[in-house]
Amino acid sequence: MELSFQEENGLWPCFGVSVQVHRLRWGTVAGVPAALRGTYGEFAASTRWADLADAIVRLGCSVEPEPDEAGTTGDIRRYRVPESGVRIFVRGDEGAQGAAGEVWSLSVSPAWWREGG
């Protein structure tokens, strides 16, 4: 997990939370706290986008591809879940950093909630 903060009028509010799913491939024992493993069981070393998208739809939410007009994401595909403000980043190509179709990360920012309606 990564938390993002930005100074604003002398305060440091959190403006985003990211779950770096791709880091699980380096080992879930070191990457996932024992309390979470104890509650939820062992974590897989990777998550397939198709499985996550299916689970999101079964929960009654939608998944939309997000265009990369700036062309900045390279081999990463972006999706959003408008009902939650979550952005999901998925490997688009095979490479040293993972297989195509694996979830790279999930990010949430309150600013995105406003954008998504």
C-alpha atoms as a PDB file:
ATOM      1  CA  MET A   1       0.000   0.000   0.000  1.00  0.00           C
ATOM      2  CA  GLU A   2       1.118   3.497  -0.728  1.00  0.00           C
ATOM      3  CA  LEU A   3      -0.474   6.639   0.650  1.00  0.00           C
ATOM      4  CA  SER A   4      -0.025   9.983  -1.104  1.00  0.00           C
ATOM      5  CA  PHE A   5      -0.007  13.268   0.798  1.00  0.00           C
ATOM      6  CA  GLN A   6       0.245  16.875  -0.321  1.00  0.00           C
ATOM      7  CA  GLU A   7       0.742  19.989   1.794  1.00  0.00           C
ATOM      8  CA  GLU A   8      -2.307  22.225   1.751  1.00  0.00           C
ATOM      9  CA  ASN A   9      -2.541  25.317   3.978  1.00  0.00           C
ATOM     10  CA  GLY A  10      -0.164  23.874   6.563  1.00  0.00           C
ATOM     11  CA  LEU A  11      -1.941  20.498   6.650  1.00  0.00           C
ATOM     12  CA  TRP A  12      -0.967  17.254   4.922  1.00  0.00           C
ATOM     13  CA  PRO A  13      -4.204  15.570   3.755  1.00  0.00           C
ATOM     14  CA  CYS A  14      -4.051  12.196   2.057  1.00  0.00           C
ATOM     15  CA  PHE A  15      -5.140  12.550  -1.572  1.00  0.00           C
ATOM     16  CA  GLY A  16      -4.686   8.987  -2.767  1.00  0.00           C
ATOM     17  CA  VAL A  17      -4.226   5.340  -1.852  1.00  0.00           C
ATOM     18  CA  SER A  18      -2.580   2.750  -4.081  1.00  0.00           C
ATOM     19  CA  VAL A  19      -2.358  -1.020  -3.750  1.00  0.00           C
ATOM     20  CA  GLN A  20       0.772  -2.194  -5.576  1.00  0.00           C
ATOM     21  CA  VAL A  21      -0.458  -5.677  -6.509  1.00  0.00           C
ATOM     22  CA  HIS A  22       2.598  -6.405  -8.687  1.00  0.00           C
ATOM     23  CA  ARG A  23       4.831  -6.487  -5.601  1.00  0.00           C
ATOM     24  CA  LEU A  24       3.189  -9.732  -4.452  1.00  0.00           C
ATOM     25  CA  ARG A  25       5.256 -11.630  -6.997  1.00  0.00           C
ATOM     26  CA  TRP A  26       8.339 -11.014  -4.830  1.00  0.00           C
ATOM     27  CA  GLY A  27       6.782 -12.982  -1.994  1.00  0.00           C
ATOM     28  CA  THR A  28       3.569 -12.676  -0.081  1.00  0.00           C
ATOM     29  CA  VAL A  29       5.041 -13.571   3.313  1.00  0.00           C
ATOM     30  CA  ALA A  30       7.191 -10.436   3.304  1.00  0.00           C
ATOM     31  CA  GLY A  31       4.700  -8.324   1.343  1.00  0.00           C
ATOM     32  CA  VAL A  32       1.474  -9.098   3.200  1.00  0.00           C
ATOM     33  CA  PRO A  33       1.229  -8.524   6.966  1.00  0.00           C
ATOM     34  CA  ALA A  34       0.601 -11.638   9.066  1.00  0.00           C
ATOM     35  CA  ALA A  35      -2.688 -10.195  10.370  1.00  0.00           C
ATOM     36  CA  LEU A  36      -4.077  -9.978   6.814  1.00  0.00           C
ATOM     37  CA  ARG A  37      -2.856 -13.468   5.911  1.00  0.00           C
ATOM     38  CA  GLY A  38      -4.397 -14.775   9.137  1.00  0.00           C
ATOM     39  CA  THR A  39      -7.761 -13.213   8.341  1.00  0.00           C
ATOM     40  CA  TYR A  40      -7.939 -13.757   4.565  1.00  0.00           C
ATOM     41  CA  GLY A  41      -5.565 -16.671   3.982  1.00  0.00           C
ATOM     42  CA  GLU A  42      -2.619 -16.798   1.632  1.00  0.00           C
ATOM     43  CA  PHE A  43      -2.415 -14.276  -1.193  1.00  0.00           C
ATOM     44  CA  ALA A  44      -1.645 -15.282  -4.767  1.00  0.00           C
ATOM     45  CA  ALA A  45       1.554 -13.947  -6.330  1.00  0.00           C
ATOM     46  CA  SER A  46      -0.497 -12.223  -9.054  1.00  0.00           C
ATOM     47  CA  THR A  47      -4.075 -11.328  -9.927  1.00  0.00           C
ATOM     48  CA  ARG A  48      -5.579 -11.839 -13.361  1.00  0.00           C
ATOM     49  CA  TRP A  49      -7.516  -8.858 -14.731  1.00  0.00           C
ATOM     50  CA  ALA A  50     -10.319 -11.052 -16.088  1.00  0.00           C
ATOM     51  CA  ASP A  51     -10.936 -12.533 -12.615  1.00  0.00           C
ATOM     52  CA  LEU A  52     -10.956  -9.116 -10.939  1.00  0.00           C
ATOM     53  CA  ALA A  53     -13.247  -7.585 -13.587  1.00  0.00           C
ATOM     54  CA  ASP A  54     -15.695 -10.484 -13.197  1.00  0.00           C
ATOM     55  CA  ALA A  55     -15.730 -10.030  -9.410  1.00  0.00           C
ATOM     56  CA  ILE A  56     -16.360  -6.287  -9.737  1.00  0.00           C
ATOM     57  CA  VAL A  57     -19.318  -6.861 -12.093  1.00  0.00           C
ATOM     58  CA  ARG A  58     -20.764  -9.539  -9.762  1.00  0.00           C
ATOM     59  CA  LEU A  59     -20.755  -6.894  -7.010  1.00  0.00           C
ATOM     60  CA  GLY A  60     -23.013  -4.735  -9.190  1.00  0.00           C
ATOM     61  CA  CYS A  61     -20.410  -2.227 -10.360  1.00  0.00           C
ATOM     62  CA  SER A  62     -19.210  -1.460 -13.856  1.00  0.00           C
ATOM     63  CA  VAL A  63     -15.729  -1.456 -15.373  1.00  0.00           C
ATOM     64  CA  GLU A  64     -14.787   0.986 -18.111  1.00  0.00           C
ATOM     65  CA  PRO A  65     -11.593   1.193 -20.157  1.00  0.00           C
ATOM     66  CA  GLU A  66      -9.901   4.538 -19.765  1.00  0.00           C
ATOM     67  CA  PRO A  67      -8.238   6.015 -22.842  1.00  0.00           C
ATOM     68  CA  ASP A  68      -4.622   7.102 -22.601  1.00  0.00           C
ATOM     69  CA  GLU A  69      -4.844  10.262 -24.677  1.00  0.00           C
ATOM     70  CA  ALA A  70      -1.390  11.385 -23.565  1.00  0.00           C
ATOM     71  CA  GLY A  71       0.184   8.043 -24.476  1.00  0.00           C
ATOM     72  CA  THR A  72       2.013   7.878 -21.145  1.00  0.00           C
ATOM     73  CA  THR A  73       1.211   4.373 -19.902  1.00  0.00           C
ATOM     74  CA  GLY A  74       3.095   2.316 -22.509  1.00  0.00           C
ATOM     75  CA  ASP A  75       2.243  -1.337 -21.987  1.00  0.00           C
ATOM     76  CA  ILE A  76      -0.181  -0.640 -19.124  1.00  0.00           C
ATOM     77  CA  ARG A  77      -3.932  -0.554 -19.769  1.00  0.00           C
ATOM     78  CA  ARG A  78      -6.124   1.563 -17.482  1.00  0.00           C
ATOM     79  CA  TYR A  79      -9.664   0.866 -16.307  1.00  0.00           C
ATOM     80  CA  ARG A  80     -11.971   2.594 -13.862  1.00  0.00           C
ATOM     81  CA  VAL A  81     -14.841   1.604 -11.634  1.00  0.00           C
ATOM     82  CA  PRO A  82     -17.008   4.751 -11.692  1.00  0.00           C
ATOM     83  CA  GLU A  83     -19.048   3.734  -8.652  1.00  0.00           C
ATOM     84  CA  SER A  84     -15.970   3.754  -6.419  1.00  0.00           C
ATOM     85  CA  GLY A  85     -13.329   6.090  -7.847  1.00  0.00           C
ATOM     86  CA  VAL A  86     -10.911   3.171  -8.321  1.00  0.00           C
ATOM     87  CA  ARG A  87      -8.463   3.144 -11.203  1.00  0.00           C
ATOM     88  CA  ILE A  88      -7.008  -0.238 -12.128  1.00  0.00           C
ATOM     89  CA  PHE A  89      -3.739  -0.612 -14.023  1.00  0.00           C
ATOM     90  CA  VAL A  90      -3.249  -3.852 -15.989  1.00  0.00           C
ATOM     91  CA  ARG A  91      -0.237  -5.211 -17.882  1.00  0.00           C
ATOM     92  CA  GLY A  92      -0.978  -5.069 -21.601  1.00  0.00           C
ATOM     93  CA  ASP A  93       2.132  -6.858 -22.837  1.00  0.00           C
ATOM     94  CA  GLU A  94       4.456  -9.624 -21.668  1.00  0.00           C
ATOM     95  CA  GLY A  95       7.652  -8.367 -20.085  1.00  0.00           C
ATOM     96  CA  ALA A  96      10.173  -8.722 -17.326  1.00  0.00           C
ATOM     97  CA  GLN A  97       7.778  -6.973 -14.951  1.00  0.00           C
ATOM     98  CA  GLY A  98       4.881  -9.402 -15.415  1.00  0.00           C
ATOM     99  CA  ALA A  99       2.565 -11.187 -17.811  1.00  0.00           C
ATOM    100  CA  ALA A 100      -0.089  -9.633 -20.013  1.00  0.00           C
ATOM    101  CA  GLY A 101      -3.439  -9.481 -18.245  1.00  0.00           C
ATOM    102  CA  GLU A 102      -2.017  -9.244 -14.710  1.00  0.00           C
ATOM    103  CA  VAL A 103      -3.228  -6.472 -12.410  1.00  0.00           C
ATOM    104  CA  TRP A 104      -0.364  -4.070 -11.762  1.00  0.00           C
ATOM    105  CA  SER A 105      -1.995  -1.755  -9.211  1.00  0.00           C
ATOM    106  CA  LEU A 106      -5.213  -0.165  -7.978  1.00  0.00           C
ATOM    107  CA  SER A 107      -5.447   3.506  -7.027  1.00  0.00           C
ATOM    108  CA  VAL A 108      -8.138   5.562  -5.347  1.00  0.00           C
ATOM    109  CA  SER A 109      -8.305   9.330  -5.117  1.00  0.00           C
ATOM    110  CA  PRO A 110     -11.235  11.489  -3.929  1.00  0.00           C
ATOM    111  CA  ALA A 111     -10.649  13.739  -6.963  1.00  0.00           C
ATOM    112  CA  TRP A 112     -11.564  10.787  -9.193  1.00  0.00           C
ATOM    113  CA  TRP A 113     -14.855  10.322  -7.311  1.00  0.00           C
ATOM    114  CA  ARG A 114     -15.845  13.844  -8.376  1.00  0.00           C
ATOM    115  CA  GLU A 115     -14.815  13.117 -11.987  1.00  0.00           C
ATOM    116  CA  GLY A 116     -16.816   9.891 -12.106  1.00  0.00           C
ATOM    117  CA  GLY A 117     -19.986  11.468 -10.817  1.00  0.00           C
END
